[in-house]
Amino acid sequence: MEILAAITDNNIPVQPEGNTQQIQDFDKVFIQLSKNQSKLIAGDFELKRPDSYFMNFYKKGQGAVF
Protein backbone atom coordinates (compact mmCIF):
# COMPACT_ATOMS: atom_id res chain seq x y z
CA MET A 1 0.00 0.00 0.00
CA GLU A 2 1.24 3.48 -0.87
CA ILE A 3 0.17 6.69 0.92
CA LEU A 4 0.68 10.16 -0.53
CA ALA A 5 -0.48 13.25 1.37
CA ALA A 6 -0.09 17.02 1.23
CA ILE A 7 -1.56 19.71 3.48
CA THR A 8 -1.13 23.45 2.94
CA ASP A 9 -2.01 26.35 5.21
CA ASN A 10 -1.61 30.01 4.25
CA ASN A 11 -2.04 31.29 7.83
CA ILE A 12 1.14 32.55 9.41
CA PRO A 13 1.56 31.98 13.16
CA VAL A 14 2.28 35.67 13.84
CA GLN A 15 -1.28 36.66 12.91
CA PRO A 16 -3.91 36.81 15.64
CA GLU A 17 -5.92 33.60 15.37
CA GLY A 18 -3.35 32.38 12.81
CA ASN A 19 -3.05 28.87 14.21
CA THR A 20 -4.71 25.96 12.42
CA GLN A 21 -6.33 23.63 14.93
CA GLN A 22 -8.94 21.72 12.87
CA ILE A 23 -8.68 19.92 9.52
CA GLN A 24 -11.36 22.27 8.08
CA ASP A 25 -9.05 25.24 8.69
CA PHE A 26 -6.39 24.05 6.23
CA ASP A 27 -6.42 25.64 2.77
CA LYS A 28 -5.86 22.42 0.81
CA VAL A 29 -5.77 18.78 1.89
CA PHE A 30 -4.81 15.93 -0.46
CA ILE A 31 -4.58 12.26 0.55
CA GLN A 32 -4.06 9.42 -1.92
CA LEU A 33 -4.07 5.72 -1.05
CA SER A 34 -3.10 3.24 -3.75
CA LYS A 35 -2.51 -0.48 -4.03
CA ASN A 36 -2.03 -2.44 -7.26
CA GLN A 37 -4.39 -0.84 -9.82
CA SER A 38 -6.78 0.75 -7.26
CA LYS A 39 -6.51 4.36 -6.12
CA LEU A 40 -8.49 6.40 -3.57
CA ILE A 41 -8.08 10.19 -3.53
CA ALA A 42 -9.66 12.31 -0.77
CA GLY A 43 -9.63 16.04 -0.07
CA ASP A 44 -9.07 18.75 -2.67
CA PHE A 45 -8.35 17.29 -6.10
CA GLU A 46 -8.37 18.10 -9.82
CA LEU A 47 -9.95 16.05 -12.57
CA LYS A 48 -8.67 16.59 -16.09
CA ARG A 49 -9.20 14.75 -19.33
CA PRO A 50 -6.32 14.91 -21.81
CA ASP A 51 -6.92 17.23 -24.73
CA SER A 52 -9.03 15.60 -27.40
CA TYR A 53 -11.74 16.61 -29.84
CA PHE A 54 -14.66 15.54 -27.61
CA MET A 55 -15.46 15.99 -23.90
CA ASN A 56 -12.54 18.11 -22.73
CA PHE A 57 -12.92 19.08 -19.08
CA TYR A 58 -11.05 20.42 -16.08
CA LYS A 59 -12.69 20.36 -12.65
CA LYS A 60 -11.51 21.23 -9.15
CA GLY A 61 -13.39 19.40 -6.43
CA GLN A 62 -13.56 18.37 -2.81
CA GLY A 63 -14.54 14.94 -1.60
CA ALA A 64 -13.34 11.52 -2.69
CA VAL A 65 -12.61 9.74 -5.97
CA PHE A 66 -12.09 6.00 -6.35
C-alpha atoms as a PDB file:
ATOM      1  CA  MET A   1       0.000   0.000   0.000  1.00  0.00           C
ATOM      2  CA  GLU A   2       1.245   3.482  -0.868  1.00  0.00           C
ATOM      3  CA  ILE A   3       0.174   6.687   0.917  1.00  0.00           C
ATOM      4  CA  LEU A   4       0.684  10.157  -0.532  1.00  0.00           C
ATOM      5  CA  ALA A   5      -0.477  13.249   1.368  1.00  0.00           C
ATOM      6  CA  ALA A   6      -0.090  17.024   1.227  1.00  0.00           C
ATOM      7  CA  ILE A   7      -1.559  19.710   3.481  1.00  0.00           C
ATOM      8  CA  THR A   8      -1.130  23.453   2.943  1.00  0.00           C
ATOM      9  CA  ASP A   9      -2.008  26.351   5.214  1.00  0.00           C
ATOM     10  CA  ASN A  10      -1.609  30.006   4.252  1.00  0.00           C
ATOM     11  CA  ASN A  11      -2.044  31.293   7.834  1.00  0.00           C
ATOM     12  CA  ILE A  12       1.137  32.548   9.408  1.00  0.00           C
ATOM     13  CA  PRO A  13       1.560  31.976  13.165  1.00  0.00           C
ATOM     14  CA  VAL A  14       2.285  35.671  13.837  1.00  0.00           C
ATOM     15  CA  GLN A  15      -1.282  36.658  12.911  1.00  0.00           C
ATOM     16  CA  PRO A  16      -3.906  36.813  15.645  1.00  0.00           C
ATOM     17  CA  GLU A  17      -5.920  33.603  15.367  1.00  0.00           C
ATOM     18  CA  GLY A  18      -3.355  32.378  12.810  1.00  0.00           C
ATOM     19  CA  ASN A  19      -3.054  28.868  14.213  1.00  0.00           C
ATOM     20  CA  THR A  20      -4.713  25.962  12.421  1.00  0.00           C
ATOM     21  CA  GLN A  21      -6.328  23.627  14.932  1.00  0.00           C
ATOM     22  CA  GLN A  22      -8.939  21.720  12.873  1.00  0.00           C
ATOM     23  CA  ILE A  23      -8.677  19.918   9.522  1.00  0.00           C
ATOM     24  CA  GLN A  24     -11.363  22.269   8.077  1.00  0.00           C
ATOM     25  CA  ASP A  25      -9.052  25.244   8.692  1.00  0.00           C
ATOM     26  CA  PHE A  26      -6.394  24.052   6.229  1.00  0.00           C
ATOM     27  CA  ASP A  27      -6.424  25.636   2.774  1.00  0.00           C
ATOM     28  CA  LYS A  28      -5.858  22.419   0.811  1.00  0.00           C
ATOM     29  CA  VAL A  29      -5.773  18.781   1.890  1.00  0.00           C
ATOM     30  CA  PHE A  30      -4.813  15.931  -0.456  1.00  0.00           C
ATOM     31  CA  ILE A  31      -4.583  12.258   0.551  1.00  0.00           C
ATOM     32  CA  GLN A  32      -4.062   9.420  -1.916  1.00  0.00           C
ATOM     33  CA  LEU A  33      -4.074   5.715  -1.048  1.00  0.00           C
ATOM     34  CA  SER A  34      -3.101   3.242  -3.754  1.00  0.00           C
ATOM     35  CA  LYS A  35      -2.509  -0.478  -4.031  1.00  0.00           C
ATOM     36  CA  ASN A  36      -2.032  -2.442  -7.259  1.00  0.00           C
ATOM     37  CA  GLN A  37      -4.392  -0.845  -9.818  1.00  0.00           C
ATOM     38  CA  SER A  38      -6.775   0.749  -7.256  1.00  0.00           C
ATOM     39  CA  LYS A  39      -6.505   4.359  -6.119  1.00  0.00           C
ATOM     40  CA  LEU A  40      -8.488   6.400  -3.573  1.00  0.00           C
ATOM     41  CA  ILE A  41      -8.085  10.191  -3.526  1.00  0.00           C
ATOM     42  CA  ALA A  42      -9.662  12.310  -0.767  1.00  0.00           C
ATOM     43  CA  GLY A  43      -9.626  16.036  -0.065  1.00  0.00           C
ATOM     44  CA  ASP A  44      -9.065  18.754  -2.671  1.00  0.00           C
ATOM     45  CA  PHE A  45      -8.352  17.289  -6.102  1.00  0.00           C
ATOM     46  CA  GLU A  46      -8.370  18.103  -9.815  1.00  0.00           C
ATOM     47  CA  LEU A  47      -9.954  16.046 -12.574  1.00  0.00           C
ATOM     48  CA  LYS A  48      -8.668  16.595 -16.090  1.00  0.00           C
ATOM     49  CA  ARG A  49      -9.203  14.749 -19.334  1.00  0.00           C
ATOM     50  CA  PRO A  50      -6.317  14.906 -21.811  1.00  0.00           C
ATOM     51  CA  ASP A  51      -6.915  17.234 -24.726  1.00  0.00           C
ATOM     52  CA  SER A  52      -9.031  15.599 -27.404  1.00  0.00           C
ATOM     53  CA  TYR A  53     -11.739  16.611 -29.841  1.00  0.00           C
ATOM     54  CA  PHE A  54     -14.663  15.544 -27.606  1.00  0.00           C
ATOM     55  CA  MET A  55     -15.457  15.989 -23.904  1.00  0.00           C
ATOM     56  CA  ASN A  56     -12.545  18.114 -22.725  1.00  0.00           C
ATOM     57  CA  PHE A  57     -12.924  19.079 -19.075  1.00  0.00           C
ATOM     58  CA  TYR A  58     -11.048  20.425 -16.079  1.00  0.00           C
ATOM     59  CA  LYS A  59     -12.692  20.360 -12.650  1.00  0.00           C
ATOM     60  CA  LYS A  60     -11.514  21.225  -9.147  1.00  0.00           C
ATOM     61  CA  GLY A  61     -13.395  19.396  -6.430  1.00  0.00           C
ATOM     62  CA  GLN A  62     -13.556  18.370  -2.814  1.00  0.00           C
ATOM     63  CA  GLY A  63     -14.538  14.943  -1.603  1.00  0.00           C
ATOM     64  CA  ALA A  64     -13.343  11.524  -2.693  1.00  0.00           C
ATOM     65  CA  VAL A  65     -12.610   9.743  -5.968  1.00  0.00           C
ATOM     66  CA  PHE A  66     -12.091   5.996  -6.352  1.00  0.00           C
END
